[in-house]
Amino acid sequence: MGKVHQIRMRTLTEEQKTNLQNELVNSGWEIVGHGGGVQSPELVSDEVNWLLVTCPDSEKATYPSGYQVLNDKECIHCGLPVTVDFSKC
């Protein structure tokens, strides 16, 4: 099993979230958790949802297109960023 990655989904519609999840699963990622909440107490309308996924443990692992890197931590199993954001798909 690969390392856990966090995928944030801020402005995606429910259909886009479902499509993203399907793309991840079809690419070998395993969804191990999910959640959501308010991004900032000062702006309660700014909600963010996220998925916790494990990578396919391969150098061939890829994210679907349209992501932004949120930190500089890389996975030791697949080499991809550990935390990314999908704002639009």
PDB file of N, CA and C in Angstrom:
ATOM      1  N   MET A   1       0.843  -1.179   0.000  1.00  0.00           N
ATOM      2  CA  MET A   1       0.000   0.000   0.000  1.00  0.00           C
ATOM      3  C   MET A   1       0.888   1.241   0.000  1.00  0.00           C
ATOM      4  N   GLY A   2       0.495   2.219  -0.787  1.00  0.00           N
ATOM      5  CA  GLY A   2       1.251   3.456  -0.886  1.00  0.00           C
ATOM      6  C   GLY A   2       0.939   4.410   0.250  1.00  0.00           C
ATOM      7  N   LYS A   3       1.504   5.579   0.153  1.00  0.00           N
ATOM      8  CA  LYS A   3       1.326   6.622   1.158  1.00  0.00           C
ATOM      9  C   LYS A   3      -0.018   7.320   0.961  1.00  0.00           C
ATOM     10  N   VAL A   4      -0.558   7.856   2.050  1.00  0.00           N
ATOM     11  CA  VAL A   4      -1.828   8.579   1.983  1.00  0.00           C
ATOM     12  C   VAL A   4      -1.595   9.983   1.429  1.00  0.00           C
ATOM     13  N   HIS A   5      -2.417  10.359   0.478  1.00  0.00           N
ATOM     14  CA  HIS A   5      -2.410  11.677  -0.147  1.00  0.00           C
ATOM     15  C   HIS A   5      -3.731  12.363   0.188  1.00  0.00           C
ATOM     16  N   GLN A   6      -3.722  13.695   0.238  1.00  0.00           N
ATOM     17  CA  GLN A   6      -4.955  14.456   0.452  1.00  0.00           C
ATOM     18  C   GLN A   6      -5.282  15.211  -0.828  1.00  0.00           C
ATOM     19  N   ILE A   7      -6.504  15.022  -1.293  1.00  0.00           N
ATOM     20  CA  ILE A   7      -6.981  15.715  -2.482  1.00  0.00           C
ATOM     21  C   ILE A   7      -8.117  16.629  -2.062  1.00  0.00           C
ATOM     22  N   ARG A   8      -7.902  17.928  -2.190  1.00  0.00           N
ATOM     23  CA  ARG A   8      -8.926  18.911  -1.830  1.00  0.00           C
ATOM     24  C   ARG A   8      -9.750  19.252  -3.057  1.00  0.00           C
ATOM     25  N   MET A   9     -11.052  19.435  -2.817  1.00  0.00           N
ATOM     26  CA  MET A   9     -11.981  19.751  -3.901  1.00  0.00           C
ATOM     27  C   MET A   9     -12.816  20.941  -3.457  1.00  0.00           C
ATOM     28  N   ARG A  10     -12.422  22.136  -3.868  1.00  0.00           N
ATOM     29  CA  ARG A  10     -13.085  23.347  -3.368  1.00  0.00           C
ATOM     30  C   ARG A  10     -14.318  23.739  -4.150  1.00  0.00           C
ATOM     31  N   THR A  11     -14.210  23.891  -5.429  1.00  0.00           N
ATOM     32  CA  THR A  11     -15.299  24.475  -6.203  1.00  0.00           C
ATOM     33  C   THR A  11     -15.901  23.499  -7.204  1.00  0.00           C
ATOM     34  N   LEU A  12     -15.770  22.228  -6.949  1.00  0.00           N
ATOM     35  CA  LEU A  12     -16.297  21.238  -7.875  1.00  0.00           C
ATOM     36  C   LEU A  12     -17.771  20.969  -7.606  1.00  0.00           C
ATOM     37  N   THR A  13     -18.512  20.721  -8.675  1.00  0.00           N
ATOM     38  CA  THR A  13     -19.902  20.296  -8.533  1.00  0.00           C
ATOM     39  C   THR A  13     -19.908  18.842  -8.059  1.00  0.00           C
ATOM     40  N   GLU A  14     -21.060  18.364  -7.640  1.00  0.00           N
ATOM     41  CA  GLU A  14     -21.157  16.962  -7.206  1.00  0.00           C
ATOM     42  C   GLU A  14     -20.787  16.022  -8.345  1.00  0.00           C
ATOM     43  N   GLU A  15     -21.198  16.352  -9.554  1.00  0.00           N
ATOM     44  CA  GLU A  15     -20.863  15.522 -10.714  1.00  0.00           C
ATOM     45  C   GLU A  15     -19.352  15.511 -10.958  1.00  0.00           C
ATOM     46  N   GLN A  16     -18.706  16.668 -10.841  1.00  0.00           N
ATOM     47  CA  GLN A  16     -17.254  16.734 -11.020  1.00  0.00           C
ATOM     48  C   GLN A  16     -16.525  15.946  -9.936  1.00  0.00           C
ATOM     49  N   LYS A  17     -17.026  15.997  -8.697  1.00  0.00           N
ATOM     50  CA  LYS A  17     -16.417  15.214  -7.608  1.00  0.00           C
ATOM     51  C   LYS A  17     -16.514  13.722  -7.904  1.00  0.00           C
ATOM     52  N   THR A  18     -17.690  13.293  -8.361  1.00  0.00           N
ATOM     53  CA  THR A  18     -17.891  11.881  -8.693  1.00  0.00           C
ATOM     54  C   THR A  18     -16.974  11.463  -9.834  1.00  0.00           C
ATOM     55  N   ASN A  19     -16.880  12.298 -10.866  1.00  0.00           N
ATOM     56  CA  ASN A  19     -15.996  11.990 -11.995  1.00  0.00           C
ATOM     57  C   ASN A  19     -14.540  11.898 -11.552  1.00  0.00           C
ATOM     58  N   LEU A  20     -14.114  12.814 -10.679  1.00  0.00           N
ATOM     59  CA  LEU A  20     -12.742  12.793 -10.169  1.00  0.00           C
ATOM     60  C   LEU A  20     -12.485  11.512  -9.381  1.00  0.00           C
ATOM     61  N   GLN A  21     -13.419  11.137  -8.522  1.00  0.00           N
ATOM     62  CA  GLN A  21     -13.265   9.909  -7.741  1.00  0.00           C
ATOM     63  C   GLN A  21     -13.165   8.700  -8.667  1.00  0.00           C
ATOM     64  N   ASN A  22     -14.011   8.648  -9.692  1.00  0.00           N
ATOM     65  CA  ASN A  22     -13.972   7.531 -10.639  1.00  0.00           C
ATOM     66  C   ASN A  22     -12.645   7.479 -11.384  1.00  0.00           C
ATOM     67  N   GLU A  23     -12.136   8.634 -11.800  1.00  0.00           N
ATOM     68  CA  GLU A  23     -10.838   8.686 -12.480  1.00  0.00           C
ATOM     69  C   GLU A  23      -9.721   8.169 -11.585  1.00  0.00           C
ATOM     70  N   LEU A  24      -9.745   8.580 -10.317  1.00  0.00           N
ATOM     71  CA  LEU A  24      -8.718   8.136  -9.377  1.00  0.00           C
ATOM     72  C   LEU A  24      -8.761   6.626  -9.194  1.00  0.00           C
ATOM     73  N   VAL A  25      -9.949   6.082  -8.954  1.00  0.00           N
ATOM     74  CA  VAL A  25     -10.101   4.639  -8.738  1.00  0.00           C
ATOM     75  C   VAL A  25      -9.678   3.868  -9.990  1.00  0.00           C
ATOM     76  N   ASN A  26     -10.087   4.353 -11.160  1.00  0.00           N
ATOM     77  CA  ASN A  26      -9.725   3.680 -12.412  1.00  0.00           C
ATOM     78  C   ASN A  26      -8.230   3.737 -12.690  1.00  0.00           C
ATOM     79  N   SER A  27      -7.521   4.682 -12.071  1.00  0.00           N
ATOM     80  CA  SER A  27      -6.067   4.801 -12.235  1.00  0.00           C
ATOM     81  C   SER A  27      -5.293   4.049 -11.160  1.00  0.00           C
ATOM     82  N   GLY A  28      -6.000   3.331 -10.291  1.00  0.00           N
ATOM     83  CA  GLY A  28      -5.329   2.516  -9.285  1.00  0.00           C
ATOM     84  C   GLY A  28      -5.253   3.113  -7.894  1.00  0.00           C
ATOM     85  N   TRP A  29      -5.772   4.337  -7.709  1.00  0.00           N
ATOM     86  CA  TRP A  29      -5.792   4.955  -6.386  1.00  0.00           C
ATOM     87  C   TRP A  29      -6.885   4.294  -5.553  1.00  0.00           C
ATOM     88  N   GLU A  30      -6.674   4.218  -4.247  1.00  0.00           N
ATOM     89  CA  GLU A  30      -7.689   3.672  -3.337  1.00  0.00           C
ATOM     90  C   GLU A  30      -8.167   4.785  -2.411  1.00  0.00           C
ATOM     91  N   ILE A  31      -9.475   5.012  -2.396  1.00  0.00           N
ATOM     92  CA  ILE A  31     -10.050   6.026  -1.515  1.00  0.00           C
ATOM     93  C   ILE A  31     -10.193   5.411  -0.128  1.00  0.00           C
ATOM     94  N   VAL A  32      -9.533   6.030   0.867  1.00  0.00           N
ATOM     95  CA  VAL A  32      -9.539   5.484   2.225  1.00  0.00           C
ATOM     96  C   VAL A  32     -10.265   6.388   3.218  1.00  0.00           C
ATOM     97  N   GLY A  33     -10.728   7.547   2.759  1.00  0.00           N
ATOM     98  CA  GLY A  33     -11.459   8.454   3.644  1.00  0.00           C
ATOM     99  C   GLY A  33     -11.894   9.699   2.897  1.00  0.00           C
ATOM    100  N   HIS A  34     -12.785  10.449   3.528  1.00  0.00           N
ATOM    101  CA  HIS A  34     -13.242  11.704   2.936  1.00  0.00           C
ATOM    102  C   HIS A  34     -13.785  12.586   4.041  1.00  0.00           C
ATOM    103  N   GLY A  35     -13.945  13.847   3.743  1.00  0.00           N
ATOM    104  CA  GLY A  35     -14.478  14.779   4.732  1.00  0.00           C
ATOM    105  C   GLY A  35     -14.691  16.134   4.109  1.00  0.00           C
ATOM    106  N   GLY A  36     -15.038  17.066   4.947  1.00  0.00           N
ATOM    107  CA  GLY A  36     -15.259  18.427   4.479  1.00  0.00           C
ATOM    108  C   GLY A  36     -15.484  19.347   5.654  1.00  0.00           C
ATOM    109  N   GLY A  37     -15.438  20.626   5.371  1.00  0.00           N
ATOM    110  CA  GLY A  37     -15.669  21.597   6.424  1.00  0.00           C
ATOM    111  C   GLY A  37     -15.392  23.004   5.960  1.00  0.00           C
ATOM    112  N   VAL A  38     -15.522  23.921   6.887  1.00  0.00           N
ATOM    113  CA  VAL A  38     -15.295  25.332   6.610  1.00  0.00           C
ATOM    114  C   VAL A  38     -13.795  25.587   6.520  1.00  0.00           C
ATOM    115  N   GLN A  39     -13.392  26.302   5.498  1.00  0.00           N
ATOM    116  CA  GLN A  39     -11.976  26.605   5.284  1.00  0.00           C
ATOM    117  C   GLN A  39     -11.443  27.573   6.333  1.00  0.00           C
ATOM    118  N   SER A  40     -12.263  28.567   6.699  1.00  0.00           N
ATOM    119  CA  SER A  40     -11.821  29.602   7.631  1.00  0.00           C
ATOM    120  C   SER A  40     -12.998  30.059   8.479  1.00  0.00           C
ATOM    121  N   PRO A  41     -12.811  30.233   9.796  1.00  0.00           N
ATOM    122  CA  PRO A  41     -13.907  30.707  10.646  1.00  0.00           C
ATOM    123  C   PRO A  41     -14.403  32.101  10.257  1.00  0.00           C
ATOM    124  N   GLU A  42     -13.543  32.880   9.618  1.00  0.00           N
ATOM    125  CA  GLU A  42     -13.935  34.226   9.198  1.00  0.00           C
ATOM    126  C   GLU A  42     -14.795  34.211   7.939  1.00  0.00           C
ATOM    127  N   LEU A  43     -14.774  33.126   7.199  1.00  0.00           N
ATOM    128  CA  LEU A  43     -15.525  33.036   5.950  1.00  0.00           C
ATOM    129  C   LEU A  43     -16.217  31.677   5.901  1.00  0.00           C
ATOM    130  N   VAL A  44     -17.327  31.568   6.618  1.00  0.00           N
ATOM    131  CA  VAL A  44     -17.994  30.273   6.770  1.00  0.00           C
ATOM    132  C   VAL A  44     -18.611  29.756   5.471  1.00  0.00           C
ATOM    133  N   SER A  45     -18.762  30.604   4.477  1.00  0.00           N
ATOM    134  CA  SER A  45     -19.305  30.139   3.200  1.00  0.00           C
ATOM    135  C   SER A  45     -18.243  29.449   2.343  1.00  0.00           C
ATOM    136  N   ASP A  46     -16.990  29.528   2.745  1.00  0.00           N
ATOM    137  CA  ASP A  46     -15.890  28.926   1.991  1.00  0.00           C
ATOM    138  C   ASP A  46     -15.635  27.513   2.507  1.00  0.00           C
ATOM    139  N   GLU A  47     -16.347  26.547   1.928  1.00  0.00           N
ATOM    140  CA  GLU A  47     -16.206  25.157   2.356  1.00  0.00           C
ATOM    141  C   GLU A  47     -15.246  24.414   1.436  1.00  0.00           C
ATOM    142  N   VAL A  48     -14.597  23.434   1.997  1.00  0.00           N
ATOM    143  CA  VAL A  48     -13.702  22.589   1.213  1.00  0.00           C
ATOM    144  C   VAL A  48     -14.010  21.132   1.556  1.00  0.00           C
ATOM    145  N   ASN A  49     -14.019  20.295   0.539  1.00  0.00           N
ATOM    146  CA  ASN A  49     -14.169  18.857   0.718  1.00  0.00           C
ATOM    147  C   ASN A  49     -12.852  18.214   0.335  1.00  0.00           C
ATOM    148  N   TRP A  50     -12.584  17.042   0.880  1.00  0.00           N
ATOM    149  CA  TRP A  50     -11.330  16.377   0.546  1.00  0.00           C
ATOM    150  C   TRP A  50     -11.510  14.877   0.530  1.00  0.00           C
ATOM    151  N   LEU A  51     -10.603  14.239  -0.173  1.00  0.00           N
ATOM    152  CA  LEU A  51     -10.488  12.786  -0.205  1.00  0.00           C
ATOM    153  C   LEU A  51      -9.128  12.416   0.352  1.00  0.00           C
ATOM    154  N   LEU A  52      -9.079  11.329   1.069  1.00  0.00           N
ATOM    155  CA  LEU A  52      -7.810  10.721   1.461  1.00  0.00           C
ATOM    156  C   LEU A  52      -7.666   9.480   0.595  1.00  0.00           C
ATOM    157  N   VAL A  53      -6.568   9.402  -0.131  1.00  0.00           N
ATOM    158  CA  VAL A  53      -6.357   8.298  -1.055  1.00  0.00           C
ATOM    159  C   VAL A  53      -4.951   7.736  -0.867  1.00  0.00           C
ATOM    160  N   THR A  54      -4.791   6.466  -1.193  1.00  0.00           N
ATOM    161  CA  THR A  54      -3.452   5.886  -1.206  1.00  0.00           C
ATOM    162  C   THR A  54      -3.048   5.695  -2.659  1.00  0.00           C
ATOM    163  N   CYS A  55      -1.789   5.982  -2.925  1.00  0.00           N
ATOM    164  CA  CYS A  55      -1.296   5.912  -4.301  1.00  0.00           C
ATOM    165  C   CYS A  55      -1.117   4.454  -4.724  1.00  0.00           C
ATOM    166  N   PRO A  56      -1.069   4.248  -6.042  1.00  0.00           N
ATOM    167  CA  PRO A  56      -0.885   2.897  -6.565  1.00  0.00           C
ATOM    168  C   PRO A  56       0.499   2.310  -6.287  1.00  0.00           C
ATOM    169  N   ASP A  57       1.374   3.055  -5.556  1.00  0.00           N
ATOM    170  CA  ASP A  57       2.706   2.551  -5.203  1.00  0.00           C
ATOM    171  C   ASP A  57       3.518   2.228  -6.453  1.00  0.00           C
ATOM    172  N   SER A  58       3.538   3.185  -7.348  1.00  0.00           N
ATOM    173  CA  SER A  58       4.194   2.958  -8.624  1.00  0.00           C
ATOM    174  C   SER A  58       4.740   4.259  -9.182  1.00  0.00           C
ATOM    175  N   GLU A  59       5.807   4.153  -9.926  1.00  0.00           N
ATOM    176  CA  GLU A  59       6.340   5.336 -10.595  1.00  0.00           C
ATOM    177  C   GLU A  59       5.400   5.813 -11.696  1.00  0.00           C
ATOM    178  N   LYS A  60       4.453   4.966 -12.102  1.00  0.00           N
ATOM    179  CA  LYS A  60       3.508   5.330 -13.150  1.00  0.00           C
ATOM    180  C   LYS A  60       2.267   6.021 -12.599  1.00  0.00           C
ATOM    181  N   ALA A  61       2.189   6.221 -11.302  1.00  0.00           N
ATOM    182  CA  ALA A  61       1.024   6.873 -10.699  1.00  0.00           C
ATOM    183  C   ALA A  61       0.910   8.302 -11.211  1.00  0.00           C
ATOM    184  N   THR A  62      -0.308   8.704 -11.523  1.00  0.00           N
ATOM    185  CA  THR A  62      -0.559  10.078 -11.968  1.00  0.00           C
ATOM    186  C   THR A  62      -1.873  10.562 -11.374  1.00  0.00           C
ATOM    187  N   TYR A  63      -1.971  11.859 -11.223  1.00  0.00           N
ATOM    188  CA  TYR A  63      -3.243  12.477 -10.874  1.00  0.00           C
ATOM    189  C   TYR A  63      -3.975  12.806 -12.170  1.00  0.00           C
ATOM    190  N   PRO A  64      -5.309  12.858 -12.133  1.00  0.00           N
ATOM    191  CA  PRO A  64      -6.025  13.389 -13.291  1.00  0.00           C
ATOM    192  C   PRO A  64      -5.587  14.834 -13.535  1.00  0.00           C
ATOM    193  N   SER A  65      -5.775  15.321 -14.729  1.00  0.00           N
ATOM    194  CA  SER A  65      -5.357  16.690 -15.050  1.00  0.00           C
ATOM    195  C   SER A  65      -6.188  17.706 -14.278  1.00  0.00           C
ATOM    196  N   GLY A  66      -5.615  18.875 -14.073  1.00  0.00           N
ATOM    197  CA  GLY A  66      -6.340  19.973 -13.448  1.00  0.00           C
ATOM    198  C   GLY A  66      -6.027  20.218 -11.988  1.00  0.00           C
ATOM    199  N   TYR A  67      -4.954  19.660 -11.472  1.00  0.00           N
ATOM    200  CA  TYR A  67      -4.650  19.848 -10.048  1.00  0.00           C
ATOM    201  C   TYR A  67      -3.601  20.923  -9.837  1.00  0.00           C
ATOM    202  N   GLN A  68      -3.598  21.480  -8.608  1.00  0.00           N
ATOM    203  CA  GLN A  68      -2.572  22.426  -8.176  1.00  0.00           C
ATOM    204  C   GLN A  68      -1.886  21.846  -6.947  1.00  0.00           C
ATOM    205  N   VAL A  69      -0.578  21.954  -6.896  1.00  0.00           N
ATOM    206  CA  VAL A  69       0.201  21.461  -5.762  1.00  0.00           C
ATOM    207  C   VAL A  69       0.038  22.423  -4.589  1.00  0.00           C
ATOM    208  N   LEU A  70      -0.223  21.898  -3.382  1.00  0.00           N
ATOM    209  CA  LEU A  70      -0.424  22.741  -2.206  1.00  0.00           C
ATOM    210  C   LEU A  70       0.759  22.757  -1.250  1.00  0.00           C
ATOM    211  N   ASN A  71       1.683  21.822  -1.382  1.00  0.00           N
ATOM    212  CA  ASN A  71       2.896  21.856  -0.563  1.00  0.00           C
ATOM    213  C   ASN A  71       4.019  21.157  -1.312  1.00  0.00           C
ATOM    214  N   ASP A  72       5.208  21.171  -0.751  1.00  0.00           N
ATOM    215  CA  ASP A  72       6.347  20.597  -1.464  1.00  0.00           C
ATOM    216  C   ASP A  72       6.703  19.184  -1.008  1.00  0.00           C
ATOM    217  N   LYS A  73       5.826  18.557  -0.240  1.00  0.00           N
ATOM    218  CA  LYS A  73       6.095  17.185   0.198  1.00  0.00           C
ATOM    219  C   LYS A  73       5.776  16.217  -0.938  1.00  0.00           C
ATOM    220  N   GLU A  74       6.738  15.328  -1.217  1.00  0.00           N
ATOM    221  CA  GLU A  74       6.539  14.322  -2.245  1.00  0.00           C
ATOM    222  C   GLU A  74       6.437  12.948  -1.608  1.00  0.00           C
ATOM    223  N   CYS A  75       5.637  12.105  -2.207  1.00  0.00           N
ATOM    224  CA  CYS A  75       5.446  10.736  -1.738  1.00  0.00           C
ATOM    225  C   CYS A  75       6.690   9.902  -2.037  1.00  0.00           C
ATOM    226  N   ILE A  76       7.129   9.122  -1.062  1.00  0.00           N
ATOM    227  CA  ILE A  76       8.302   8.276  -1.263  1.00  0.00           C
ATOM    228  C   ILE A  76       7.981   7.057  -2.133  1.00  0.00           C
ATOM    229  N   HIS A  77       6.702   6.755  -2.308  1.00  0.00           N
ATOM    230  CA  HIS A  77       6.311   5.593  -3.107  1.00  0.00           C
ATOM    231  C   HIS A  77       6.118   5.928  -4.581  1.00  0.00           C
ATOM    232  N   CYS A  78       5.475   7.071  -4.857  1.00  0.00           N
ATOM    233  CA  CYS A  78       5.142   7.381  -6.248  1.00  0.00           C
ATOM    234  C   CYS A  78       5.795   8.660  -6.764  1.00  0.00           C
ATOM    235  N   GLY A  79       6.334   9.493  -5.873  1.00  0.00           N
ATOM    236  CA  GLY A  79       6.995  10.721  -6.287  1.00  0.00           C
ATOM    237  C   GLY A  79       6.078  11.903  -6.535  1.00  0.00           C
ATOM    238  N   LEU A  80       4.776  11.719  -6.381  1.00  0.00           N
ATOM    239  CA  LEU A  80       3.825  12.810  -6.603  1.00  0.00           C
ATOM    240  C   LEU A  80       3.655  13.648  -5.343  1.00  0.00           C
ATOM    241  N   PRO A  81       3.151  14.882  -5.492  1.00  0.00           N
ATOM    242  CA  PRO A  81       2.874  15.709  -4.316  1.00  0.00           C
ATOM    243  C   PRO A  81       1.862  15.018  -3.402  1.00  0.00           C
ATOM    244  N   VAL A  82       2.019  15.207  -2.099  1.00  0.00           N
ATOM    245  CA  VAL A  82       1.145  14.555  -1.123  1.00  0.00           C
ATOM    246  C   VAL A  82      -0.198  15.280  -0.998  1.00  0.00           C
ATOM    247  N   THR A  83      -0.214  16.602  -1.170  1.00  0.00           N
ATOM    248  CA  THR A  83      -1.454  17.369  -1.041  1.00  0.00           C
ATOM    249  C   THR A  83      -1.664  18.209  -2.292  1.00  0.00           C
ATOM    250  N   VAL A  84      -2.826  18.000  -2.928  1.00  0.00           N
ATOM    251  CA  VAL A  84      -3.156  18.764  -4.135  1.00  0.00           C
ATOM    252  C   VAL A  84      -4.590  19.270  -4.042  1.00  0.00           C
ATOM    253  N   ASP A  85      -4.908  20.238  -4.894  1.00  0.00           N
ATOM    254  CA  ASP A  85      -6.242  20.831  -4.940  1.00  0.00           C
ATOM    255  C   ASP A  85      -6.773  20.737  -6.361  1.00  0.00           C
ATOM    256  N   PHE A  86      -8.021  20.315  -6.468  1.00  0.00           N
ATOM    257  CA  PHE A  86      -8.728  20.351  -7.740  1.00  0.00           C
ATOM    258  C   PHE A  86      -9.807  21.407  -7.600  1.00  0.00           C
ATOM    259  N   SER A  87      -9.641  22.531  -8.283  1.00  0.00           N
ATOM    260  CA  SER A  87     -10.640  23.591  -8.228  1.00  0.00           C
ATOM    261  C   SER A  87     -11.622  23.487  -9.380  1.00  0.00           C
ATOM    262  N   LYS A  88     -11.167  23.006 -10.503  1.00  0.00           N
ATOM    263  CA  LYS A  88     -12.028  22.804 -11.670  1.00  0.00           C
ATOM    264  C   LYS A  88     -11.532  21.582 -12.410  1.00  0.00           C
ATOM    265  N   CYS A  89     -12.459  20.810 -12.902  1.00  0.00           N
ATOM    266  CA  CYS A  89     -12.092  19.636 -13.708  1.00  0.00           C
ATOM    267  C   CYS A  89     -12.716  19.764 -15.083  1.00  0.00           C
TER     268      CYS A  89
END
